[in-house]
Amino acid sequence: MRLRLIDYGTEELKEYDVMSVDEVLALRNTETVSWFNVDGVHDEAVMDAIAKGFGFESLVLADAMNTFSRPKLVEYLDCLFLSIKMLREDTESGDLDVENLSLILTKNVLISFQEKPGDVFDPIRERIRVHKRRIRRSGPDYLLFALLDTVVDNYIYVIGSLGLKIEDLEDGLLEDPAKSVIEEIYAYKRELNQLRKNIIPAKEMIVNLSKVESEFIDDDRKEVHFKELVDNISQATDSTNSFREILSDQLTIYHTTISSKLNDTMRFLTVFSVIFIPLTFIAGIYGTNFEVIPELHFEYGYYMMLGAMVVVAVGMLIYFKRNKWL
């Protein structure tokens, strides 16, 4: 586990790795805001020390250690607990990385729990390091908003990145709908469903957060910033719905294009077969073994039969062409 602390106020800033939970407990009653970040949640001794030091109920840290739980919001007497899924796109493989993020808001300390080192919060740390930013003049509830806002912004970025891949499929669908295209469509549908599975519960949690009556969140902050969060995550869910419809349309286009190509092939084979049916009929008549077939004794009978076949074939081709069957 890695324990990191950023303690800041309007005029002072301290940022360092924490060796003991007691270092954070000493800051509970100060006028500064403390962001205590915990990377790794499976060391029971450390988690127990945090729970006992801050006087949290046993369920609080149990929820933080349960990384498979749905995003949720729970209000306790001494804190506000919430969890949300943090989504990141792997820059090398392009796969979606899903990590559980738990946040505990107290009077002047915000505790964040992540499954592993590495997150999307470096821009917030840079904002804290800049003296004149609003975040330095605000309380831990604004820091909570900033963290959630970054998570939601990353939702929109991941969805947009997936959307570009989905839109690029359209050219391939119209030009040459190969089998690989349908495989990509289904792969993107699975990825989009995974996004929706994490974003929709997050939206429910943020909507509840915007309505909660808590002493740890300023009413003005709730009316302005947390309402903005609701709008942002609504935009994310709307985008997933839009791309879901686009994928459904692309699937329809794929099947329509394949059916059209199949129809063209069947039309060609049908015309080819229809032309040869009368020719086969003529050849079949003169291929019988009856002794009395007058035309067999004509000097030019063979050439007359071939001429009749050519006339029938050309006539049928002209007929099909006029009716636009070719």
Protein backbone atom coordinates (compact mmCIF):
# COMPACT_ATOMS: atom_id res chain seq x y z
CA MET A 1 0.00 0.00 0.00
CA ARG A 2 1.00 3.58 -0.57
CA LEU A 3 -0.35 6.35 1.67
CA ARG A 4 -0.15 9.90 0.34
CA LEU A 5 -1.23 13.16 1.91
CA ILE A 6 -1.82 16.61 0.51
CA ASP A 7 -2.59 19.15 3.23
CA TYR A 8 -3.38 22.64 2.02
CA GLY A 9 -4.92 25.98 2.88
CA THR A 10 -4.99 29.39 1.29
CA GLU A 11 -1.37 30.10 2.21
CA GLU A 12 0.26 26.73 2.94
CA LEU A 13 0.74 23.40 1.17
CA LYS A 14 2.32 20.14 2.31
CA GLU A 15 2.57 17.05 0.14
CA TYR A 16 4.30 13.85 1.21
CA ASP A 17 4.05 10.08 1.65
CA VAL A 18 2.61 9.01 4.96
CA MET A 19 4.34 6.35 7.02
CA SER A 20 1.69 6.09 9.73
CA VAL A 21 -2.03 6.84 9.95
CA ASP A 22 -1.28 8.91 13.08
CA GLU A 23 0.25 11.60 10.87
CA VAL A 24 -3.14 12.13 9.26
CA LEU A 25 -5.08 11.95 12.54
CA ALA A 26 -3.10 14.91 13.82
CA LEU A 27 -4.62 17.07 11.05
CA ARG A 28 -8.27 16.38 11.82
CA ASN A 29 -8.80 19.51 13.89
CA THR A 30 -6.71 21.95 11.89
CA GLU A 31 -8.05 24.70 9.62
CA THR A 32 -6.47 23.18 6.53
CA VAL A 33 -7.98 20.68 4.10
CA SER A 34 -6.36 17.24 3.99
CA TRP A 35 -6.58 14.80 1.08
CA PHE A 36 -5.48 11.38 2.29
CA ASN A 37 -5.10 8.97 -0.62
CA VAL A 38 -4.69 5.22 -0.08
CA ASP A 39 -3.40 3.09 -2.98
CA GLY A 40 -4.34 -0.52 -2.26
CA VAL A 41 -7.18 -1.61 0.02
CA HIS A 42 -6.29 -5.18 0.99
CA ASP A 43 -4.04 -4.57 3.99
CA GLU A 44 -6.47 -5.18 6.84
CA ALA A 45 -4.09 -3.79 9.48
CA VAL A 46 -3.83 -0.40 7.78
CA MET A 47 -7.55 -0.28 7.04
CA ASP A 48 -8.33 -1.16 10.65
CA ALA A 49 -5.99 1.59 11.86
CA ILE A 50 -7.81 4.12 9.67
CA ALA A 51 -11.22 2.96 10.91
CA LYS A 52 -10.22 3.10 14.57
CA GLY A 53 -8.29 6.35 14.24
CA PHE A 54 -11.18 8.22 12.62
CA GLY A 55 -13.83 6.40 14.63
CA PHE A 56 -15.65 5.06 11.56
CA GLU A 57 -18.26 2.35 11.77
CA SER A 58 -17.07 -1.09 10.72
CA LEU A 59 -19.24 -1.03 7.59
CA VAL A 60 -17.48 2.05 6.22
CA LEU A 61 -14.11 0.40 5.62
CA ALA A 62 -15.79 -2.90 4.70
CA ASP A 63 -17.48 -1.06 1.83
CA ALA A 64 -14.15 0.49 0.81
CA MET A 65 -12.49 -2.95 0.69
CA ASN A 66 -15.30 -4.42 -1.41
CA THR A 67 -14.06 -3.45 -4.87
CA PHE A 68 -16.88 -5.28 -6.68
CA SER A 69 -19.72 -3.25 -5.20
CA ARG A 70 -21.96 -1.00 -7.27
CA PRO A 71 -21.49 2.78 -7.03
CA LYS A 72 -23.39 3.95 -3.99
CA LEU A 73 -23.83 6.72 -1.44
CA VAL A 74 -24.20 6.08 2.31
CA GLU A 75 -24.61 8.80 4.91
CA TYR A 76 -23.17 8.08 8.36
CA LEU A 77 -23.16 10.23 11.47
CA ASP A 78 -19.46 11.07 11.25
CA CYS A 79 -18.85 10.90 7.50
CA LEU A 80 -20.26 10.58 4.04
CA PHE A 81 -19.25 7.47 2.11
CA LEU A 82 -19.51 7.04 -1.64
CA SER A 83 -18.01 4.78 -4.25
CA ILE A 84 -17.76 5.05 -8.01
CA LYS A 85 -16.00 3.21 -10.82
CA MET A 86 -12.97 4.91 -12.34
CA LEU A 87 -12.58 4.08 -16.05
CA ARG A 88 -9.36 4.38 -17.99
CA GLU A 89 -8.29 3.31 -21.46
CA ASP A 90 -5.05 1.37 -21.63
CA THR A 91 -2.79 3.35 -23.96
CA GLU A 92 -0.97 0.23 -25.23
CA SER A 93 -3.71 -2.38 -25.66
CA GLY A 94 -6.70 -0.04 -25.90
CA ASP A 95 -8.60 -2.18 -23.38
CA LEU A 96 -10.89 -0.64 -20.78
CA ASP A 97 -9.51 -0.64 -17.24
CA VAL A 98 -12.16 -0.50 -14.49
CA GLU A 99 -11.10 0.41 -10.95
CA ASN A 100 -13.20 0.99 -7.85
CA LEU A 101 -12.77 4.37 -6.16
CA SER A 102 -14.13 4.91 -2.64
CA LEU A 103 -14.32 8.35 -1.02
CA ILE A 104 -14.98 9.25 2.62
CA LEU A 105 -15.82 12.88 3.34
CA THR A 106 -15.37 14.20 6.88
CA LYS A 107 -15.26 17.72 8.32
CA ASN A 108 -11.87 18.67 6.88
CA VAL A 109 -10.36 15.40 5.66
CA LEU A 110 -11.20 13.60 2.43
CA ILE A 111 -10.00 9.99 2.24
CA SER A 112 -9.79 8.27 -1.14
CA PHE A 113 -9.21 4.55 -1.62
CA GLN A 114 -7.91 3.15 -4.90
CA GLU A 115 -7.19 -0.45 -5.81
CA LYS A 116 -3.72 0.25 -7.19
CA PRO A 117 -1.30 3.14 -7.83
CA GLY A 118 -2.04 5.39 -10.77
CA ASP A 119 -5.14 7.47 -11.39
CA VAL A 120 -6.60 10.35 -13.39
CA PHE A 121 -6.19 12.94 -10.64
CA ASP A 122 -2.83 14.51 -11.56
CA PRO A 123 -4.57 17.64 -12.96
CA ILE A 124 -6.26 18.13 -9.57
CA ARG A 125 -2.94 17.81 -7.77
CA GLU A 126 -1.51 20.45 -10.09
CA ARG A 127 -4.47 22.74 -9.36
CA ILE A 128 -3.83 22.35 -5.63
CA ARG A 129 -0.17 23.25 -6.09
CA VAL A 130 -1.15 26.51 -7.79
CA HIS A 131 -1.79 29.05 -5.03
CA LYS A 132 -4.50 31.16 -6.61
CA ARG A 133 -6.86 28.38 -7.68
CA ARG A 134 -10.38 28.14 -6.20
CA ILE A 135 -9.65 24.69 -4.82
CA ARG A 136 -7.12 26.20 -2.37
CA ARG A 137 -9.79 28.50 -0.97
CA SER A 138 -12.52 25.87 -0.70
CA GLY A 139 -13.28 23.04 1.67
CA PRO A 140 -13.10 19.24 1.29
CA ASP A 141 -16.57 19.17 -0.29
CA TYR A 142 -15.19 21.09 -3.27
CA LEU A 143 -12.28 18.64 -3.44
CA LEU A 144 -14.86 15.83 -3.52
CA PHE A 145 -16.61 17.57 -6.40
CA ALA A 146 -13.31 18.02 -8.25
CA LEU A 147 -12.44 14.33 -7.95
CA LEU A 148 -15.88 13.20 -9.11
CA ASP A 149 -15.85 15.75 -11.92
CA THR A 150 -12.53 14.36 -13.17
CA VAL A 151 -13.90 10.81 -13.05
CA VAL A 152 -16.99 11.84 -15.03
CA ASP A 153 -14.91 13.84 -17.54
CA ASN A 154 -12.87 10.70 -18.09
CA TYR A 155 -16.12 8.81 -18.76
CA ILE A 156 -16.86 11.29 -21.53
CA TYR A 157 -13.31 10.95 -22.91
CA VAL A 158 -13.46 7.14 -22.96
CA ILE A 159 -16.90 7.20 -24.59
CA GLY A 160 -15.69 9.71 -27.18
CA SER A 161 -12.65 7.57 -27.98
CA LEU A 162 -14.89 4.53 -28.48
CA GLY A 163 -17.28 6.67 -30.53
CA LEU A 164 -14.52 7.57 -33.01
CA LYS A 165 -13.83 3.87 -33.58
CA ILE A 166 -17.54 3.19 -34.05
CA GLU A 167 -17.93 6.01 -36.59
CA ASP A 168 -14.90 4.77 -38.55
CA LEU A 169 -16.75 1.50 -39.20
CA GLU A 170 -19.30 3.17 -41.50
CA ASP A 171 -16.92 3.51 -44.47
CA GLY A 172 -16.04 -0.18 -44.28
CA LEU A 173 -19.71 -1.12 -44.08
CA LEU A 174 -20.59 0.64 -47.31
CA GLU A 175 -17.47 -0.29 -49.28
CA ASP A 176 -16.72 -3.88 -48.34
CA PRO A 177 -18.66 -5.39 -45.41
CA ALA A 178 -16.15 -8.13 -44.54
CA LYS A 179 -16.67 -10.62 -41.75
CA SER A 180 -14.16 -8.73 -39.59
CA VAL A 181 -16.51 -5.72 -39.55
CA ILE A 182 -19.31 -7.65 -37.85
CA GLU A 183 -16.78 -8.93 -35.31
CA GLU A 184 -15.73 -5.34 -34.56
CA ILE A 185 -19.37 -4.27 -34.18
CA TYR A 186 -20.02 -6.98 -31.61
CA ALA A 187 -16.75 -6.16 -29.80
CA TYR A 188 -17.74 -2.49 -29.56
CA LYS A 189 -21.23 -3.47 -28.37
CA ARG A 190 -19.67 -5.49 -25.53
CA GLU A 191 -17.38 -2.59 -24.60
CA LEU A 192 -20.26 -0.13 -24.71
CA ASN A 193 -22.40 -2.39 -22.52
CA GLN A 194 -19.54 -2.56 -20.02
CA LEU A 195 -19.39 1.24 -19.98
CA ARG A 196 -23.14 1.50 -19.43
CA LYS A 197 -22.97 -1.07 -16.64
CA ASN A 198 -20.62 1.23 -14.71
CA ILE A 199 -21.90 4.66 -15.74
CA ILE A 200 -25.64 4.23 -15.12
CA PRO A 201 -25.21 3.26 -11.41
CA ALA A 202 -22.73 6.14 -11.08
CA LYS A 203 -25.40 8.51 -12.38
CA GLU A 204 -27.85 7.27 -9.75
CA MET A 205 -25.26 7.84 -7.03
CA ILE A 206 -24.45 11.38 -8.22
CA VAL A 207 -28.14 12.29 -8.47
CA ASN A 208 -28.60 11.12 -4.87
CA LEU A 209 -25.50 13.09 -3.85
CA SER A 210 -26.98 16.28 -5.33
CA LYS A 211 -30.07 15.80 -3.15
CA VAL A 212 -28.51 14.63 0.12
CA GLU A 213 -28.80 16.86 3.20
CA SER A 214 -25.41 16.59 4.87
CA GLU A 215 -23.41 18.82 7.18
CA PHE A 216 -20.30 17.90 5.21
CA ILE A 217 -21.52 19.53 1.97
CA ASP A 218 -22.22 23.23 1.69
CA ASP A 219 -25.73 23.93 0.32
CA ASP A 220 -24.44 26.47 -2.20
CA ARG A 221 -21.86 23.97 -3.41
CA LYS A 222 -24.55 21.36 -3.82
CA GLU A 223 -26.81 23.66 -5.82
CA VAL A 224 -24.08 24.74 -8.22
CA HIS A 225 -21.31 22.18 -8.54
CA PHE A 226 -23.07 18.91 -7.80
CA LYS A 227 -25.92 19.86 -10.12
CA GLU A 228 -23.24 20.41 -12.76
CA LEU A 229 -22.00 16.88 -12.06
CA VAL A 230 -25.48 15.54 -12.77
CA ASP A 231 -25.52 17.35 -16.11
CA ASN A 232 -22.08 15.99 -17.05
CA ILE A 233 -22.87 12.37 -16.26
CA SER A 234 -26.23 12.73 -18.02
CA GLN A 235 -24.23 13.77 -21.08
CA ALA A 236 -22.14 10.60 -20.68
CA THR A 237 -25.20 8.34 -20.49
CA ASP A 238 -26.79 10.12 -23.46
CA SER A 239 -23.61 9.53 -25.46
CA THR A 240 -23.65 5.80 -24.68
CA ASN A 241 -27.29 5.66 -25.80
CA SER A 242 -26.43 7.47 -29.04
CA PHE A 243 -23.53 5.18 -29.87
CA ARG A 244 -25.64 2.17 -28.96
CA GLU A 245 -28.19 3.26 -31.56
CA ILE A 246 -25.40 3.87 -34.10
CA LEU A 247 -24.11 0.32 -33.56
CA SER A 248 -27.63 -1.06 -34.04
CA ASP A 249 -27.95 0.95 -37.26
CA GLN A 250 -24.57 -0.29 -38.45
CA LEU A 251 -25.62 -3.85 -37.73
CA THR A 252 -28.74 -3.28 -39.83
CA ILE A 253 -26.66 -1.71 -42.62
CA TYR A 254 -24.29 -4.70 -42.56
CA HIS A 255 -27.10 -7.23 -42.92
CA THR A 256 -28.83 -5.10 -45.57
CA THR A 257 -25.62 -4.79 -47.59
CA ILE A 258 -24.92 -8.51 -47.33
CA SER A 259 -28.52 -9.27 -48.37
CA SER A 260 -28.21 -6.86 -51.30
CA LYS A 261 -25.01 -8.52 -52.49
CA LEU A 262 -26.64 -11.92 -52.12
CA ASN A 263 -29.65 -10.72 -54.11
CA ASP A 264 -27.36 -9.48 -56.88
CA THR A 265 -25.64 -12.85 -57.00
CA MET A 266 -28.95 -14.73 -57.01
CA ARG A 267 -30.28 -12.43 -59.77
CA PHE A 268 -27.26 -13.17 -61.94
CA LEU A 269 -27.56 -16.93 -61.37
CA THR A 270 -31.28 -16.82 -62.04
CA VAL A 271 -30.86 -14.94 -65.34
CA PHE A 272 -28.08 -17.33 -66.32
CA SER A 273 -30.30 -20.32 -65.51
CA VAL A 274 -33.38 -18.90 -67.28
CA ILE A 275 -31.40 -18.29 -70.48
CA PHE A 276 -30.13 -21.86 -70.56
CA ILE A 277 -33.48 -23.49 -69.78
CA PRO A 278 -34.86 -23.06 -73.37
CA LEU A 279 -31.46 -23.86 -74.85
CA THR A 280 -31.37 -27.06 -72.84
CA PHE A 281 -34.92 -27.78 -73.98
CA ILE A 282 -33.93 -27.42 -77.65
CA ALA A 283 -30.82 -29.54 -77.17
CA GLY A 284 -32.90 -32.13 -75.33
CA ILE A 285 -35.39 -32.46 -78.18
CA TYR A 286 -32.72 -33.06 -80.79
CA GLY A 287 -30.82 -35.32 -78.46
CA THR A 288 -33.63 -37.91 -78.36
CA ASN A 289 -33.16 -41.26 -80.00
CA PHE A 290 -36.27 -41.37 -82.23
CA GLU A 291 -35.57 -42.42 -85.80
CA VAL A 292 -38.02 -39.95 -87.32
CA ILE A 293 -36.86 -36.40 -86.61
CA PRO A 294 -37.13 -34.54 -89.94
CA GLU A 295 -34.63 -31.82 -89.10
CA LEU A 296 -31.89 -34.38 -88.51
CA HIS A 297 -31.66 -34.97 -92.24
CA PHE A 298 -31.39 -31.31 -93.23
CA GLU A 299 -27.99 -30.37 -94.60
CA TYR A 300 -27.85 -27.23 -92.46
CA GLY A 301 -30.02 -28.50 -89.58
CA TYR A 302 -27.24 -28.26 -87.00
CA TYR A 303 -26.49 -24.65 -87.88
CA MET A 304 -30.19 -23.81 -87.83
CA MET A 305 -30.47 -25.21 -84.29
CA LEU A 306 -27.44 -23.19 -83.12
CA GLY A 307 -28.89 -20.06 -84.75
CA ALA A 308 -32.21 -20.63 -83.00
CA MET A 309 -30.36 -20.98 -79.68
CA VAL A 310 -28.45 -17.73 -80.26
CA VAL A 311 -31.64 -15.86 -81.21
CA VAL A 312 -33.43 -17.15 -78.07
CA ALA A 313 -30.47 -16.25 -75.81
CA VAL A 314 -30.02 -12.74 -77.28
CA GLY A 315 -33.75 -12.09 -77.20
CA MET A 316 -33.95 -13.03 -73.51
CA LEU A 317 -30.94 -10.84 -72.69
CA ILE A 318 -32.58 -7.87 -74.43
CA TYR A 319 -35.82 -8.53 -72.55
CA PHE A 320 -34.05 -8.71 -69.17
CA LYS A 321 -32.10 -5.55 -69.96
CA ARG A 322 -35.24 -3.57 -70.83
CA ASN A 323 -36.88 -4.69 -67.59
CA LYS A 324 -33.71 -3.72 -65.67
CA TRP A 325 -33.18 -7.22 -64.36
CA LEU A 326 -29.54 -7.02 -65.38
